[in-house]
N, C-alpha and C. Protein backbone atom coordinates (compact mmCIF):
# COMPACT_ATOMS: atom_id res chain seq x y z
N MET A 1 0.85 -1.18 0.00
CA MET A 1 0.00 0.00 0.00
C MET A 1 0.89 1.23 0.00
N SER A 2 0.63 2.13 -0.91
CA SER A 2 1.39 3.37 -0.90
C SER A 2 0.43 4.50 -0.55
N LEU A 3 0.93 5.41 0.23
CA LEU A 3 0.12 6.55 0.69
C LEU A 3 0.39 7.75 -0.20
N SER A 4 -0.65 8.54 -0.43
CA SER A 4 -0.45 9.78 -1.16
C SER A 4 0.40 10.71 -0.30
N GLU A 5 0.92 11.73 -0.91
CA GLU A 5 1.77 12.68 -0.18
C GLU A 5 1.02 13.32 1.00
N LYS A 6 -0.22 13.69 0.76
CA LYS A 6 -1.03 14.30 1.83
C LYS A 6 -1.30 13.32 2.96
N ASN A 7 -1.67 12.07 2.59
CA ASN A 7 -1.95 11.07 3.62
C ASN A 7 -0.70 10.72 4.41
N LEU A 8 0.43 10.63 3.71
CA LEU A 8 1.69 10.35 4.38
C LEU A 8 2.04 11.48 5.35
N ALA A 9 1.83 12.71 4.93
CA ALA A 9 2.10 13.86 5.81
C ALA A 9 1.23 13.78 7.06
N PHE A 10 -0.04 13.39 6.90
CA PHE A 10 -0.92 13.25 8.06
C PHE A 10 -0.43 12.16 8.99
N VAL A 11 -0.08 11.01 8.45
CA VAL A 11 0.40 9.87 9.25
C VAL A 11 1.68 10.25 10.00
N MET A 12 2.60 10.93 9.32
CA MET A 12 3.84 11.35 9.97
C MET A 12 3.55 12.36 11.09
N HIS A 13 2.61 13.25 10.84
CA HIS A 13 2.23 14.23 11.87
C HIS A 13 1.62 13.52 13.08
N CYS A 14 0.80 12.51 12.83
CA CYS A 14 0.23 11.74 13.94
C CYS A 14 1.35 11.10 14.76
N GLY A 15 2.41 10.70 14.10
CA GLY A 15 3.56 10.14 14.82
C GLY A 15 4.18 11.17 15.75
N GLU A 16 4.34 12.38 15.24
CA GLU A 16 4.90 13.45 16.08
C GLU A 16 3.96 13.78 17.24
N MET A 17 2.67 13.81 16.95
CA MET A 17 1.69 14.12 17.99
C MET A 17 1.59 12.98 19.01
N GLY A 18 1.82 11.76 18.55
CA GLY A 18 1.75 10.60 19.45
C GLY A 18 2.59 10.77 20.70
N SER A 19 3.78 11.33 20.52
CA SER A 19 4.65 11.52 21.69
C SER A 19 4.05 12.53 22.66
N ARG A 20 3.25 13.44 22.16
CA ARG A 20 2.59 14.42 23.03
C ARG A 20 1.33 13.84 23.67
N TRP A 21 0.77 12.80 23.07
CA TRP A 21 -0.45 12.17 23.58
C TRP A 21 -0.13 11.08 24.59
N GLY A 22 1.13 10.71 24.70
CA GLY A 22 1.48 9.70 25.69
C GLY A 22 1.97 8.38 25.13
N PHE A 23 2.18 8.29 23.81
CA PHE A 23 2.79 7.09 23.27
C PHE A 23 3.81 7.46 22.20
N ASN A 24 4.59 6.48 21.74
CA ASN A 24 5.71 6.82 20.87
C ASN A 24 5.28 7.13 19.43
N ARG A 25 6.25 7.60 18.66
CA ARG A 25 6.00 8.06 17.30
C ARG A 25 5.41 6.98 16.41
N THR A 26 5.98 5.78 16.46
CA THR A 26 5.50 4.69 15.60
C THR A 26 4.04 4.37 15.91
N ILE A 27 3.69 4.34 17.17
CA ILE A 27 2.32 4.03 17.56
C ILE A 27 1.39 5.14 17.07
N GLY A 28 1.83 6.38 17.16
CA GLY A 28 1.05 7.49 16.62
C GLY A 28 0.84 7.36 15.12
N GLN A 29 1.89 6.94 14.41
CA GLN A 29 1.78 6.75 12.96
C GLN A 29 0.80 5.62 12.64
N MET A 30 0.89 4.53 13.40
CA MET A 30 -0.02 3.41 13.18
C MET A 30 -1.47 3.83 13.40
N CYS A 31 -1.69 4.57 14.45
CA CYS A 31 -3.04 5.04 14.77
C CYS A 31 -3.54 5.96 13.64
N GLY A 32 -2.72 6.89 13.22
CA GLY A 32 -3.09 7.80 12.13
C GLY A 32 -3.40 7.04 10.85
N LEU A 33 -2.58 6.05 10.53
CA LEU A 33 -2.79 5.24 9.33
C LEU A 33 -4.13 4.52 9.38
N LEU A 34 -4.43 3.89 10.51
CA LEU A 34 -5.68 3.14 10.63
C LEU A 34 -6.90 4.07 10.57
N ILE A 35 -6.75 5.27 11.10
CA ILE A 35 -7.86 6.23 11.08
C ILE A 35 -8.21 6.64 9.65
N ILE A 36 -7.21 6.85 8.80
CA ILE A 36 -7.50 7.36 7.45
C ILE A 36 -7.65 6.27 6.40
N THR A 37 -7.49 5.01 6.81
CA THR A 37 -7.62 3.91 5.86
C THR A 37 -9.02 3.33 5.94
N LYS A 38 -9.69 3.26 4.81
CA LYS A 38 -11.10 2.85 4.76
C LYS A 38 -11.30 1.41 5.24
N SER A 39 -10.43 0.50 4.80
CA SER A 39 -10.58 -0.92 5.14
C SER A 39 -9.63 -1.30 6.26
N PRO A 40 -10.03 -2.27 7.07
CA PRO A 40 -9.10 -2.77 8.10
C PRO A 40 -7.82 -3.29 7.45
N MET A 41 -6.72 -3.24 8.22
CA MET A 41 -5.42 -3.62 7.68
C MET A 41 -4.81 -4.75 8.49
N THR A 42 -4.03 -5.60 7.82
CA THR A 42 -3.26 -6.63 8.53
C THR A 42 -1.99 -5.99 9.08
N ALA A 43 -1.34 -6.71 9.98
CA ALA A 43 -0.07 -6.22 10.54
C ALA A 43 0.97 -6.05 9.43
N ASN A 44 0.99 -6.97 8.47
CA ASN A 44 1.95 -6.87 7.37
C ASN A 44 1.67 -5.64 6.51
N GLU A 45 0.41 -5.34 6.27
CA GLU A 45 0.06 -4.15 5.48
C GLU A 45 0.48 -2.87 6.21
N ILE A 46 0.29 -2.87 7.52
CA ILE A 46 0.72 -1.71 8.32
C ILE A 46 2.23 -1.55 8.23
N ALA A 47 2.96 -2.66 8.39
CA ALA A 47 4.43 -2.62 8.32
C ALA A 47 4.90 -2.11 6.97
N ASP A 48 4.29 -2.61 5.89
CA ASP A 48 4.67 -2.18 4.55
C ASP A 48 4.37 -0.69 4.33
N ALA A 49 3.19 -0.25 4.74
CA ALA A 49 2.79 1.14 4.52
C ALA A 49 3.69 2.12 5.26
N LEU A 50 4.15 1.72 6.45
CA LEU A 50 4.97 2.62 7.26
C LEU A 50 6.48 2.33 7.16
N SER A 51 6.82 1.30 6.40
CA SER A 51 8.23 0.88 6.26
C SER A 51 8.87 0.63 7.63
N ILE A 52 8.17 -0.16 8.44
CA ILE A 52 8.69 -0.53 9.76
C ILE A 52 8.64 -2.04 9.88
N SER A 53 9.34 -2.58 10.86
CA SER A 53 9.41 -4.03 11.02
C SER A 53 8.08 -4.59 11.52
N ARG A 54 7.85 -5.85 11.22
CA ARG A 54 6.65 -6.55 11.67
C ARG A 54 6.64 -6.64 13.20
N GLY A 55 7.81 -6.80 13.81
CA GLY A 55 7.90 -6.83 15.27
C GLY A 55 7.49 -5.51 15.89
N ASN A 56 7.90 -4.43 15.26
CA ASN A 56 7.52 -3.10 15.74
C ASN A 56 6.00 -2.91 15.65
N VAL A 57 5.42 -3.42 14.56
CA VAL A 57 3.96 -3.34 14.39
C VAL A 57 3.28 -4.15 15.49
N SER A 58 3.80 -5.34 15.77
CA SER A 58 3.21 -6.19 16.80
C SER A 58 3.18 -5.50 18.16
N MET A 59 4.29 -4.89 18.51
CA MET A 59 4.35 -4.16 19.79
C MET A 59 3.40 -2.97 19.77
N GLY A 60 3.32 -2.28 18.64
CA GLY A 60 2.42 -1.14 18.51
C GLY A 60 0.97 -1.55 18.61
N ILE A 61 0.63 -2.68 18.02
CA ILE A 61 -0.75 -3.18 18.09
C ILE A 61 -1.12 -3.46 19.55
N LYS A 62 -0.22 -4.09 20.28
CA LYS A 62 -0.49 -4.37 21.70
C LYS A 62 -0.72 -3.07 22.48
N GLU A 63 0.10 -2.08 22.20
CA GLU A 63 -0.05 -0.79 22.90
C GLU A 63 -1.36 -0.11 22.53
N LEU A 64 -1.69 -0.10 21.25
CA LEU A 64 -2.95 0.52 20.82
C LEU A 64 -4.16 -0.23 21.38
N GLN A 65 -4.04 -1.55 21.50
CA GLN A 65 -5.12 -2.32 22.12
C GLN A 65 -5.23 -2.01 23.62
N SER A 66 -4.10 -1.79 24.28
CA SER A 66 -4.15 -1.47 25.72
C SER A 66 -4.80 -0.11 25.94
N TRP A 67 -4.70 0.77 24.96
CA TRP A 67 -5.36 2.08 25.02
C TRP A 67 -6.80 1.97 24.51
N GLN A 68 -7.17 0.79 24.01
CA GLN A 68 -8.49 0.54 23.43
C GLN A 68 -8.78 1.44 22.23
N LEU A 69 -7.74 1.67 21.43
CA LEU A 69 -7.88 2.53 20.26
C LEU A 69 -8.10 1.75 18.97
N ILE A 70 -7.77 0.46 18.98
CA ILE A 70 -8.00 -0.36 17.78
C ILE A 70 -8.71 -1.64 18.20
N ARG A 71 -9.32 -2.26 17.21
CA ARG A 71 -10.00 -3.54 17.45
C ARG A 71 -9.57 -4.52 16.38
N VAL A 72 -9.64 -5.79 16.73
CA VAL A 72 -9.33 -6.86 15.78
C VAL A 72 -10.60 -7.18 15.03
N GLN A 73 -10.44 -7.40 13.74
CA GLN A 73 -11.58 -7.75 12.90
C GLN A 73 -11.18 -8.97 12.08
N HIS A 74 -12.07 -9.93 11.99
CA HIS A 74 -11.82 -11.13 11.19
C HIS A 74 -12.69 -11.10 9.95
N ILE A 75 -12.12 -11.57 8.87
CA ILE A 75 -12.85 -11.64 7.60
C ILE A 75 -13.11 -13.12 7.33
N PRO A 76 -14.38 -13.48 7.10
CA PRO A 76 -14.70 -14.89 6.87
C PRO A 76 -13.84 -15.50 5.75
N GLY A 77 -13.31 -16.67 6.03
CA GLY A 77 -12.47 -17.37 5.06
C GLY A 77 -11.02 -16.94 5.07
N ASP A 78 -10.67 -15.95 5.87
CA ASP A 78 -9.29 -15.45 5.95
C ASP A 78 -8.82 -15.62 7.39
N ARG A 79 -7.67 -16.26 7.57
CA ARG A 79 -7.16 -16.53 8.92
C ARG A 79 -6.42 -15.33 9.52
N LYS A 80 -6.13 -14.34 8.72
CA LYS A 80 -5.37 -13.18 9.22
C LYS A 80 -6.24 -12.33 10.14
N GLU A 81 -5.54 -11.60 11.00
CA GLU A 81 -6.23 -10.63 11.84
C GLU A 81 -6.10 -9.27 11.17
N TYR A 82 -7.20 -8.56 11.14
CA TYR A 82 -7.24 -7.22 10.56
C TYR A 82 -7.49 -6.23 11.69
N TYR A 83 -6.94 -5.04 11.54
CA TYR A 83 -7.06 -4.02 12.59
C TYR A 83 -7.73 -2.77 12.04
N ALA A 84 -8.60 -2.22 12.88
CA ALA A 84 -9.34 -1.01 12.51
C ALA A 84 -9.50 -0.15 13.76
N PRO A 85 -9.81 1.12 13.59
CA PRO A 85 -10.05 1.97 14.76
C PRO A 85 -11.22 1.42 15.59
N ALA A 86 -11.13 1.58 16.89
CA ALA A 86 -12.19 1.11 17.80
C ALA A 86 -13.16 2.26 18.05
N GLY A 87 -14.02 2.51 17.09
CA GLY A 87 -15.00 3.59 17.24
C GLY A 87 -14.66 4.77 16.37
N ASP A 88 -15.45 5.82 16.56
CA ASP A 88 -15.23 7.03 15.77
C ASP A 88 -14.18 7.93 16.44
N ILE A 89 -13.92 9.05 15.83
CA ILE A 89 -12.89 9.97 16.33
C ILE A 89 -13.20 10.43 17.75
N TRP A 90 -14.48 10.71 18.03
CA TRP A 90 -14.86 11.16 19.38
C TRP A 90 -14.58 10.07 20.41
N ASP A 91 -14.92 8.82 20.07
CA ASP A 91 -14.66 7.70 20.99
C ASP A 91 -13.17 7.59 21.28
N MET A 92 -12.38 7.69 20.23
CA MET A 92 -10.93 7.55 20.39
C MET A 92 -10.35 8.70 21.21
N ALA A 93 -10.82 9.91 20.97
CA ALA A 93 -10.35 11.06 21.74
C ALA A 93 -10.69 10.88 23.22
N ASN A 94 -11.89 10.39 23.51
CA ASN A 94 -12.27 10.13 24.90
C ASN A 94 -11.39 9.08 25.54
N ARG A 95 -11.04 8.04 24.79
CA ARG A 95 -10.18 6.98 25.34
C ARG A 95 -8.78 7.51 25.64
N VAL A 96 -8.24 8.33 24.73
CA VAL A 96 -6.91 8.92 24.98
C VAL A 96 -6.98 9.79 26.22
N PHE A 97 -8.02 10.59 26.33
CA PHE A 97 -8.16 11.45 27.50
C PHE A 97 -8.26 10.62 28.78
N GLU A 98 -9.07 9.58 28.77
CA GLU A 98 -9.23 8.73 29.95
C GLU A 98 -7.91 8.06 30.34
N GLU A 99 -7.19 7.54 29.35
CA GLU A 99 -5.91 6.89 29.64
C GLU A 99 -4.91 7.88 30.22
N ARG A 100 -4.85 9.06 29.63
CA ARG A 100 -3.92 10.08 30.15
C ARG A 100 -4.33 10.50 31.55
N LYS A 101 -5.62 10.59 31.80
CA LYS A 101 -6.10 10.93 33.14
C LYS A 101 -5.62 9.87 34.14
N LYS A 102 -5.78 8.59 33.78
CA LYS A 102 -5.35 7.50 34.66
C LYS A 102 -3.84 7.53 34.90
N ARG A 103 -3.09 7.85 33.86
CA ARG A 103 -1.63 7.78 33.95
C ARG A 103 -0.99 9.06 34.52
N GLU A 104 -1.66 10.20 34.36
CA GLU A 104 -1.04 11.47 34.75
C GLU A 104 -1.79 12.21 35.85
N ILE A 105 -3.08 12.44 35.63
CA ILE A 105 -3.82 13.28 36.58
C ILE A 105 -4.13 12.54 37.87
N ASP A 106 -4.62 11.30 37.78
CA ASP A 106 -4.98 10.55 38.99
C ASP A 106 -3.80 10.39 39.96
N PRO A 107 -2.60 9.99 39.47
CA PRO A 107 -1.47 9.90 40.41
C PRO A 107 -1.10 11.26 41.02
N THR A 108 -1.23 12.33 40.23
CA THR A 108 -0.91 13.66 40.74
C THR A 108 -1.91 14.05 41.83
N LEU A 109 -3.19 13.80 41.59
CA LEU A 109 -4.21 14.10 42.60
C LEU A 109 -3.96 13.30 43.88
N SER A 110 -3.59 12.06 43.72
CA SER A 110 -3.31 11.20 44.87
C SER A 110 -2.14 11.75 45.70
N LEU A 111 -1.07 12.14 45.03
CA LEU A 111 0.09 12.72 45.72
C LEU A 111 -0.31 14.01 46.42
N LEU A 112 -1.06 14.86 45.73
CA LEU A 112 -1.47 16.13 46.33
C LEU A 112 -2.35 15.90 47.56
N ARG A 113 -3.28 14.95 47.47
CA ARG A 113 -4.14 14.64 48.64
C ARG A 113 -3.30 14.19 49.83
N ASP A 114 -2.35 13.30 49.56
CA ASP A 114 -1.47 12.81 50.64
C ASP A 114 -0.71 13.96 51.28
N ASN A 115 -0.16 14.85 50.45
CA ASN A 115 0.61 15.97 50.97
C ASN A 115 -0.27 16.95 51.74
N LEU A 116 -1.50 17.12 51.29
CA LEU A 116 -2.40 18.06 51.96
C LEU A 116 -2.93 17.50 53.29
N LEU A 117 -2.94 16.19 53.43
CA LEU A 117 -3.39 15.58 54.69
C LEU A 117 -2.34 15.71 55.79
N ASP A 118 -1.06 15.79 55.40
CA ASP A 118 0.01 15.96 56.39
C ASP A 118 0.01 17.40 56.90
N GLU A 119 0.32 17.53 58.17
CA GLU A 119 0.36 18.87 58.75
C GLU A 119 1.69 19.54 58.43
N ALA A 120 1.61 20.79 58.04
CA ALA A 120 2.82 21.56 57.74
C ALA A 120 3.60 21.79 59.03
N VAL A 121 4.93 21.66 58.94
CA VAL A 121 5.76 21.84 60.14
C VAL A 121 6.46 23.20 60.19
N ASN A 122 6.42 23.92 59.08
CA ASN A 122 7.02 25.25 59.09
C ASN A 122 6.32 26.13 58.04
N GLU A 123 6.75 27.38 57.99
CA GLU A 123 6.13 28.35 57.09
C GLU A 123 6.29 27.97 55.61
N ASP A 124 7.46 27.43 55.25
CA ASP A 124 7.69 27.02 53.86
C ASP A 124 6.73 25.91 53.45
N GLU A 125 6.55 24.94 54.34
CA GLU A 125 5.63 23.84 54.04
C GLU A 125 4.18 24.35 53.98
N LEU A 126 3.85 25.29 54.83
CA LEU A 126 2.51 25.86 54.83
C LEU A 126 2.23 26.56 53.50
N TYR A 127 3.21 27.34 53.04
CA TYR A 127 3.07 28.00 51.73
C TYR A 127 2.96 26.95 50.61
N ALA A 128 3.81 25.93 50.66
CA ALA A 128 3.78 24.88 49.63
C ALA A 128 2.43 24.17 49.63
N GLN A 129 1.89 23.91 50.81
CA GLN A 129 0.58 23.25 50.89
C GLN A 129 -0.52 24.12 50.29
N LYS A 130 -0.42 25.41 50.53
CA LYS A 130 -1.41 26.33 49.95
C LYS A 130 -1.36 26.24 48.41
N GLN A 131 -0.16 26.25 47.87
CA GLN A 131 0.01 26.16 46.41
C GLN A 131 -0.49 24.80 45.91
N MET A 132 -0.13 23.73 46.63
CA MET A 132 -0.58 22.40 46.23
C MET A 132 -2.10 22.29 46.31
N GLY A 133 -2.69 22.96 47.28
CA GLY A 133 -4.15 22.97 47.41
C GLY A 133 -4.80 23.61 46.19
N GLU A 134 -4.20 24.70 45.71
CA GLU A 134 -4.73 25.35 44.50
C GLU A 134 -4.61 24.44 43.28
N ILE A 135 -3.47 23.76 43.17
CA ILE A 135 -3.27 22.82 42.06
C ILE A 135 -4.31 21.71 42.16
N HIS A 136 -4.48 21.17 43.36
CA HIS A 136 -5.44 20.10 43.60
C HIS A 136 -6.85 20.55 43.19
N ASN A 137 -7.25 21.73 43.64
CA ASN A 137 -8.59 22.23 43.34
C ASN A 137 -8.78 22.43 41.84
N LEU A 138 -7.76 22.94 41.17
CA LEU A 138 -7.82 23.13 39.72
C LEU A 138 -7.97 21.78 39.01
N LEU A 139 -7.13 20.81 39.36
CA LEU A 139 -7.21 19.50 38.72
C LEU A 139 -8.54 18.82 39.00
N GLU A 140 -9.06 18.96 40.21
CA GLU A 140 -10.37 18.38 40.54
C GLU A 140 -11.46 19.02 39.68
N ALA A 141 -11.42 20.36 39.54
CA ALA A 141 -12.43 21.06 38.75
C ALA A 141 -12.34 20.66 37.28
N VAL A 142 -11.12 20.59 36.75
CA VAL A 142 -10.94 20.21 35.35
C VAL A 142 -11.39 18.76 35.14
N THR A 143 -11.08 17.89 36.08
CA THR A 143 -11.48 16.49 35.98
C THR A 143 -13.00 16.36 36.00
N LYS A 144 -13.64 17.07 36.90
CA LYS A 144 -15.10 17.01 36.98
C LYS A 144 -15.73 17.56 35.70
N TRP A 145 -15.21 18.69 35.23
CA TRP A 145 -15.73 19.32 34.02
C TRP A 145 -15.55 18.39 32.82
N SER A 146 -14.36 17.80 32.69
CA SER A 146 -14.11 16.92 31.54
C SER A 146 -14.97 15.67 31.61
N SER A 147 -15.26 15.18 32.81
CA SER A 147 -16.15 14.03 32.94
C SER A 147 -17.55 14.38 32.44
N GLU A 148 -17.98 15.59 32.75
CA GLU A 148 -19.28 16.04 32.25
C GLU A 148 -19.27 16.15 30.73
N LEU A 149 -18.18 16.65 30.17
CA LEU A 149 -18.07 16.77 28.71
C LEU A 149 -18.11 15.40 28.05
N GLN A 150 -17.51 14.41 28.68
CA GLN A 150 -17.46 13.08 28.09
C GLN A 150 -18.84 12.42 28.03
N ARG A 151 -19.76 12.91 28.82
CA ARG A 151 -21.12 12.36 28.81
C ARG A 151 -21.95 12.93 27.66
N LEU A 152 -21.48 14.01 27.07
CA LEU A 152 -22.21 14.63 25.98
C LEU A 152 -22.02 13.83 24.69
N THR A 153 -23.01 13.92 23.83
CA THR A 153 -22.86 13.29 22.51
C THR A 153 -21.94 14.16 21.66
N PRO A 154 -21.39 13.61 20.59
CA PRO A 154 -20.57 14.44 19.70
C PRO A 154 -21.33 15.66 19.18
N GLU A 155 -22.61 15.50 18.92
CA GLU A 155 -23.41 16.62 18.43
C GLU A 155 -23.49 17.72 19.49
N GLN A 156 -23.72 17.32 20.75
CA GLN A 156 -23.79 18.29 21.84
C GLN A 156 -22.44 18.98 22.05
N LEU A 157 -21.36 18.21 21.94
CA LEU A 157 -20.02 18.80 22.08
C LEU A 157 -19.76 19.81 20.98
N ASN A 158 -20.16 19.47 19.77
CA ASN A 158 -19.98 20.41 18.65
C ASN A 158 -20.73 21.71 18.91
N LYS A 159 -21.96 21.60 19.40
CA LYS A 159 -22.74 22.81 19.70
C LYS A 159 -22.05 23.63 20.78
N LEU A 160 -21.57 22.95 21.81
CA LEU A 160 -20.87 23.65 22.90
C LEU A 160 -19.63 24.37 22.38
N MET A 161 -18.86 23.70 21.54
CA MET A 161 -17.64 24.32 21.01
C MET A 161 -17.96 25.49 20.09
N LYS A 162 -19.06 25.40 19.36
CA LYS A 162 -19.43 26.50 18.47
C LYS A 162 -19.83 27.75 19.26
N LEU A 163 -20.28 27.53 20.50
CA LEU A 163 -20.62 28.68 21.34
C LEU A 163 -19.38 29.53 21.62
N GLY A 164 -18.25 28.85 21.77
CA GLY A 164 -16.97 29.54 21.96
C GLY A 164 -17.02 30.66 22.97
N SER A 165 -16.67 31.85 22.51
CA SER A 165 -16.62 33.01 23.40
C SER A 165 -18.00 33.43 23.87
N GLY A 166 -19.02 32.91 23.21
CA GLY A 166 -20.38 33.21 23.63
C GLY A 166 -20.65 32.77 25.06
N ILE A 167 -19.97 31.75 25.52
CA ILE A 167 -20.13 31.27 26.90
C ILE A 167 -19.74 32.38 27.87
N GLY A 168 -18.63 33.05 27.58
CA GLY A 168 -18.18 34.15 28.45
C GLY A 168 -19.21 35.26 28.51
N LYS A 169 -19.83 35.54 27.38
CA LYS A 169 -20.86 36.59 27.33
C LYS A 169 -22.08 36.19 28.17
N VAL A 170 -22.45 34.91 28.12
CA VAL A 170 -23.58 34.43 28.91
C VAL A 170 -23.26 34.54 30.40
N ILE A 171 -22.06 34.18 30.78
CA ILE A 171 -21.66 34.28 32.18
C ILE A 171 -21.66 35.74 32.64
N ASP A 172 -21.13 36.63 31.80
CA ASP A 172 -21.15 38.07 32.13
C ASP A 172 -22.57 38.57 32.31
N LEU A 173 -23.47 38.17 31.42
CA LEU A 173 -24.87 38.58 31.50
C LEU A 173 -25.51 38.06 32.80
N LYS A 174 -25.24 36.79 33.11
CA LYS A 174 -25.76 36.20 34.34
C LYS A 174 -25.28 36.99 35.55
N ASP A 175 -23.98 37.34 35.57
CA ASP A 175 -23.43 38.11 36.69
C ASP A 175 -24.09 39.47 36.80
N LYS A 176 -24.34 40.12 35.67
CA LYS A 176 -24.99 41.44 35.69
C LYS A 176 -26.42 41.33 36.22
N ILE A 177 -27.13 40.30 35.78
CA ILE A 177 -28.51 40.11 36.23
C ILE A 177 -28.56 39.85 37.72
N PHE A 178 -27.69 38.98 38.21
CA PHE A 178 -27.73 38.64 39.63
C PHE A 178 -27.22 39.77 40.50
N LYS A 179 -26.34 40.62 39.98
CA LYS A 179 -25.89 41.80 40.74
C LYS A 179 -27.06 42.77 40.92
N LYS A 180 -27.85 42.94 39.85
CA LYS A 180 -29.01 43.84 39.93
C LYS A 180 -30.02 43.29 40.94
N ASP A 181 -30.19 41.97 40.99
CA ASP A 181 -31.14 41.37 41.94
C ASP A 181 -30.69 41.61 43.38
N LYS A 182 -29.38 41.64 43.63
CA LYS A 182 -28.85 41.81 44.98
C LYS A 182 -28.93 43.26 45.43
N GLU A 183 -28.98 44.17 44.48
CA GLU A 183 -29.00 45.61 44.83
C GLU A 183 -30.33 46.08 45.29
């Protein structure tokens, strides 16, 4: 399988982004390739398309399966395993977010909670705890907010994103209305 110049550029970019999403470049390339390929692909087809070893593909498949980003598909009469994205783009984005939350945010929240439960023994620790408390509260708020976003359908998320800066205007209006009520 040969990729067009545009498709190859996308796949290579996914590789670069993969390292920012929490997995290596090859896995990002594999994920990008499977996303833009109409039909499921065998491990050999993936290896050929990306010019990487079959062993590298095997390890990448295991990693993508652990992130629940790809699924195995069987074709009747064919003994090979074929791989395809596990859901649509929204499903995959949610899975990446959930995995990163488990690997990055949850351990950070746990450490912050432990540190906040200990009593500060001096002024420096008291200041540090105050800062850690703010970080904890921010991460908790972001986590709660993102959990709410994940419950929305893709259509609802699109509507919310289209509101953009309009949300700020609604909040400002609400504040003005409630200030007048208090006066």
